[in-house]
Amino acid sequence: MTPPTQDTEFARKLVLGLISTLQHKGLISDTEVDAILRAAMPKPAPPSPPLDVTPSAPMPKPDASRVRHEALPPPMFDIEL
């Protein structure tokens, strides 16, 4: 969600003030105020549809020329104390 700009923040406060004034004058009820505020809430994004899982080709056999047959030497650490 993007941060509100100065204009949108002013409009939000103006509308809340108008609704509050109408409520205090008895022109709209608490239930109507709740319904207005609930309708003005941003709707959450619908969940994305699940991905279709399709079987893929089997893993290719490793290339014999790239397979290491000898063990690696143990690592050497040169630490001075």
N, C-alpha and C. Protein backbone atom coordinates (compact mmCIF):
# COMPACT_ATOMS: atom_id res chain seq x y z
N MET A 1 0.85 -1.17 0.00
CA MET A 1 0.00 0.00 0.00
C MET A 1 0.89 1.23 0.00
N THR A 2 0.57 2.21 -0.85
CA THR A 2 1.38 3.41 -0.95
C THR A 2 1.02 4.37 0.18
N PRO A 3 1.98 5.16 0.64
CA PRO A 3 1.67 6.12 1.71
C PRO A 3 0.73 7.21 1.19
N PRO A 4 -0.17 7.69 2.06
CA PRO A 4 -1.12 8.71 1.59
C PRO A 4 -0.41 10.03 1.32
N THR A 5 -0.86 10.70 0.27
CA THR A 5 -0.31 12.01 -0.04
C THR A 5 -1.04 13.04 0.83
N GLN A 6 -0.58 14.26 0.77
CA GLN A 6 -1.18 15.32 1.57
C GLN A 6 -2.64 15.55 1.17
N ASP A 7 -2.93 15.46 -0.12
CA ASP A 7 -4.30 15.67 -0.60
C ASP A 7 -5.23 14.56 -0.13
N THR A 8 -4.77 13.30 -0.22
CA THR A 8 -5.64 12.20 0.19
C THR A 8 -5.86 12.21 1.70
N GLU A 9 -4.83 12.60 2.46
CA GLU A 9 -4.99 12.68 3.91
C GLU A 9 -5.98 13.78 4.27
N PHE A 10 -5.93 14.92 3.57
CA PHE A 10 -6.89 16.00 3.81
C PHE A 10 -8.32 15.53 3.49
N ALA A 11 -8.48 14.85 2.36
CA ALA A 11 -9.81 14.37 1.97
C ALA A 11 -10.34 13.36 2.98
N ARG A 12 -9.47 12.48 3.47
CA ARG A 12 -9.90 11.48 4.46
C ARG A 12 -10.38 12.15 5.74
N LYS A 13 -9.61 13.14 6.22
CA LYS A 13 -10.00 13.84 7.45
C LYS A 13 -11.27 14.65 7.24
N LEU A 14 -11.44 15.24 6.07
CA LEU A 14 -12.65 16.02 5.77
C LEU A 14 -13.88 15.13 5.79
N VAL A 15 -13.79 13.97 5.15
CA VAL A 15 -14.93 13.04 5.10
C VAL A 15 -15.25 12.52 6.49
N LEU A 16 -14.22 12.17 7.28
CA LEU A 16 -14.47 11.71 8.64
C LEU A 16 -15.13 12.80 9.48
N GLY A 17 -14.72 14.04 9.27
CA GLY A 17 -15.34 15.16 9.99
C GLY A 17 -16.80 15.34 9.60
N LEU A 18 -17.09 15.21 8.30
CA LEU A 18 -18.48 15.34 7.84
C LEU A 18 -19.35 14.21 8.41
N ILE A 19 -18.85 13.00 8.38
CA ILE A 19 -19.61 11.87 8.92
C ILE A 19 -19.84 12.05 10.41
N SER A 20 -18.81 12.50 11.12
CA SER A 20 -18.94 12.72 12.56
C SER A 20 -19.98 13.81 12.85
N THR A 21 -19.97 14.88 12.08
CA THR A 21 -20.95 15.97 12.28
C THR A 21 -22.36 15.48 12.02
N LEU A 22 -22.57 14.72 10.93
CA LEU A 22 -23.90 14.18 10.64
C LEU A 22 -24.37 13.23 11.74
N GLN A 23 -23.43 12.47 12.31
CA GLN A 23 -23.80 11.54 13.37
C GLN A 23 -24.19 12.30 14.64
N HIS A 24 -23.42 13.33 15.00
CA HIS A 24 -23.72 14.09 16.22
C HIS A 24 -25.01 14.90 16.10
N LYS A 25 -25.38 15.27 14.89
CA LYS A 25 -26.64 15.99 14.69
C LYS A 25 -27.83 15.04 14.60
N GLY A 26 -27.57 13.75 14.60
CA GLY A 26 -28.64 12.78 14.56
C GLY A 26 -29.17 12.50 13.17
N LEU A 27 -28.45 12.91 12.13
CA LEU A 27 -28.92 12.68 10.77
C LEU A 27 -28.58 11.28 10.26
N ILE A 28 -27.54 10.67 10.82
CA ILE A 28 -27.23 9.28 10.50
C ILE A 28 -26.94 8.54 11.81
N SER A 29 -27.26 7.26 11.83
CA SER A 29 -27.10 6.46 13.06
C SER A 29 -25.70 5.86 13.15
N ASP A 30 -25.41 5.29 14.33
CA ASP A 30 -24.12 4.62 14.52
C ASP A 30 -23.97 3.45 13.54
N THR A 31 -25.05 2.75 13.29
CA THR A 31 -25.02 1.62 12.36
C THR A 31 -24.67 2.09 10.95
N GLU A 32 -25.25 3.22 10.55
CA GLU A 32 -24.96 3.76 9.22
C GLU A 32 -23.51 4.22 9.11
N VAL A 33 -22.99 4.81 10.18
CA VAL A 33 -21.59 5.23 10.18
C VAL A 33 -20.69 4.01 10.04
N ASP A 34 -20.98 2.94 10.79
CA ASP A 34 -20.19 1.72 10.69
C ASP A 34 -20.24 1.15 9.27
N ALA A 35 -21.43 1.17 8.66
CA ALA A 35 -21.57 0.65 7.30
C ALA A 35 -20.77 1.48 6.30
N ILE A 36 -20.78 2.80 6.47
CA ILE A 36 -20.02 3.69 5.58
C ILE A 36 -18.52 3.43 5.71
N LEU A 37 -18.05 3.33 6.96
CA LEU A 37 -16.63 3.11 7.19
C LEU A 37 -16.19 1.73 6.69
N ARG A 38 -17.04 0.72 6.88
CA ARG A 38 -16.72 -0.62 6.41
C ARG A 38 -16.65 -0.66 4.88
N ALA A 39 -17.56 0.08 4.23
CA ALA A 39 -17.57 0.10 2.76
C ALA A 39 -16.36 0.86 2.22
N ALA A 40 -15.83 1.81 2.99
CA ALA A 40 -14.70 2.60 2.52
C ALA A 40 -13.36 1.92 2.76
N MET A 41 -13.35 0.84 3.53
CA MET A 41 -12.08 0.13 3.80
C MET A 41 -11.55 -0.47 2.51
N PRO A 42 -10.21 -0.44 2.34
CA PRO A 42 -9.64 -1.06 1.13
C PRO A 42 -9.87 -2.57 1.15
N LYS A 43 -10.19 -3.10 0.02
CA LYS A 43 -10.45 -4.53 -0.09
C LYS A 43 -9.12 -5.27 -0.20
N PRO A 44 -8.98 -6.39 0.50
CA PRO A 44 -7.73 -7.16 0.33
C PRO A 44 -7.66 -7.77 -1.06
N ALA A 45 -6.47 -7.93 -1.53
CA ALA A 45 -6.28 -8.50 -2.86
C ALA A 45 -6.77 -9.95 -2.86
N PRO A 46 -7.46 -10.36 -3.91
CA PRO A 46 -7.91 -11.75 -3.95
C PRO A 46 -6.71 -12.68 -4.02
N PRO A 47 -6.82 -13.85 -3.41
CA PRO A 47 -5.68 -14.77 -3.46
C PRO A 47 -5.42 -15.22 -4.90
N SER A 48 -4.16 -15.38 -5.18
CA SER A 48 -3.82 -15.81 -6.53
C SER A 48 -4.21 -17.27 -6.71
N PRO A 49 -4.63 -17.64 -7.91
CA PRO A 49 -5.02 -19.03 -8.12
C PRO A 49 -3.80 -19.94 -7.97
N PRO A 50 -4.02 -21.17 -7.53
CA PRO A 50 -2.88 -22.07 -7.37
C PRO A 50 -2.24 -22.38 -8.73
N LEU A 51 -0.97 -22.58 -8.70
CA LEU A 51 -0.24 -22.88 -9.93
C LEU A 51 -0.55 -24.31 -10.37
N ASP A 52 -0.70 -24.49 -11.65
CA ASP A 52 -0.90 -25.84 -12.18
C ASP A 52 0.43 -26.56 -12.17
N VAL A 53 0.44 -27.70 -11.53
CA VAL A 53 1.66 -28.49 -11.47
C VAL A 53 1.60 -29.53 -12.57
N THR A 54 2.58 -29.46 -13.44
CA THR A 54 2.64 -30.43 -14.53
C THR A 54 3.91 -31.24 -14.38
N PRO A 55 3.85 -32.51 -14.67
CA PRO A 55 5.07 -33.31 -14.55
C PRO A 55 6.11 -32.83 -15.56
N SER A 56 7.33 -32.80 -15.12
CA SER A 56 8.39 -32.35 -16.01
C SER A 56 9.19 -33.56 -16.49
N ALA A 57 10.11 -33.27 -17.36
CA ALA A 57 10.98 -34.33 -17.87
C ALA A 57 11.87 -34.83 -16.74
N PRO A 58 12.27 -36.08 -16.78
CA PRO A 58 13.15 -36.58 -15.72
C PRO A 58 14.50 -35.85 -15.75
N MET A 59 15.14 -35.85 -14.60
CA MET A 59 16.43 -35.19 -14.49
C MET A 59 17.42 -35.85 -15.46
N PRO A 60 18.24 -35.05 -16.13
CA PRO A 60 19.22 -35.66 -17.05
C PRO A 60 20.29 -36.39 -16.25
N LYS A 61 20.83 -37.41 -16.85
CA LYS A 61 21.93 -38.17 -16.22
C LYS A 61 23.15 -37.27 -16.15
N PRO A 62 23.92 -37.36 -15.07
CA PRO A 62 25.12 -36.51 -14.98
C PRO A 62 26.13 -36.92 -16.04
N ASP A 63 26.79 -35.93 -16.55
CA ASP A 63 27.82 -36.14 -17.57
C ASP A 63 29.04 -36.78 -16.90
N ALA A 64 29.48 -37.92 -17.38
CA ALA A 64 30.59 -38.64 -16.75
C ALA A 64 31.87 -37.83 -16.77
N SER A 65 32.05 -36.94 -17.74
CA SER A 65 33.29 -36.16 -17.80
C SER A 65 33.31 -35.07 -16.72
N ARG A 66 32.17 -34.74 -16.13
CA ARG A 66 32.12 -33.68 -15.13
C ARG A 66 32.06 -34.22 -13.71
N VAL A 67 31.99 -35.54 -13.55
CA VAL A 67 31.89 -36.13 -12.22
C VAL A 67 33.29 -36.27 -11.64
N ARG A 68 33.45 -35.81 -10.39
CA ARG A 68 34.75 -35.89 -9.72
C ARG A 68 34.83 -37.25 -9.03
N HIS A 69 35.88 -38.00 -9.33
CA HIS A 69 36.02 -39.33 -8.77
C HIS A 69 36.92 -39.36 -7.55
N GLU A 70 37.85 -38.40 -7.44
CA GLU A 70 38.75 -38.39 -6.27
C GLU A 70 38.17 -37.47 -5.21
N ALA A 71 38.50 -37.74 -3.97
CA ALA A 71 38.01 -36.94 -2.85
C ALA A 71 38.76 -35.61 -2.81
N LEU A 72 38.11 -34.63 -2.33
CA LEU A 72 38.74 -33.32 -2.17
C LEU A 72 39.65 -33.36 -0.96
N PRO A 73 40.76 -32.62 -0.98
CA PRO A 73 41.62 -32.57 0.21
C PRO A 73 40.90 -31.79 1.32
N PRO A 74 41.24 -32.08 2.57
CA PRO A 74 40.59 -31.35 3.67
C PRO A 74 40.94 -29.87 3.57
N PRO A 75 40.08 -29.00 4.05
CA PRO A 75 40.37 -27.56 3.97
C PRO A 75 41.53 -27.20 4.90
N MET A 76 42.30 -26.22 4.51
CA MET A 76 43.43 -25.75 5.30
C MET A 76 43.10 -24.35 5.82
N PHE A 77 43.26 -24.17 7.12
CA PHE A 77 43.03 -22.87 7.74
C PHE A 77 44.35 -22.36 8.28
N ASP A 78 44.74 -21.19 7.89
CA ASP A 78 45.98 -20.58 8.36
C ASP A 78 45.60 -19.49 9.35
N ILE A 79 45.64 -19.85 10.64
CA ILE A 79 45.24 -18.90 11.68
C ILE A 79 46.44 -18.65 12.57
N GLU A 80 46.78 -17.39 12.75
CA GLU A 80 47.87 -17.02 13.65
C GLU A 80 47.27 -16.58 14.97
N LEU A 81 47.81 -17.14 16.05
CA LEU A 81 47.35 -16.78 17.39
C LEU A 81 48.32 -15.89 18.08
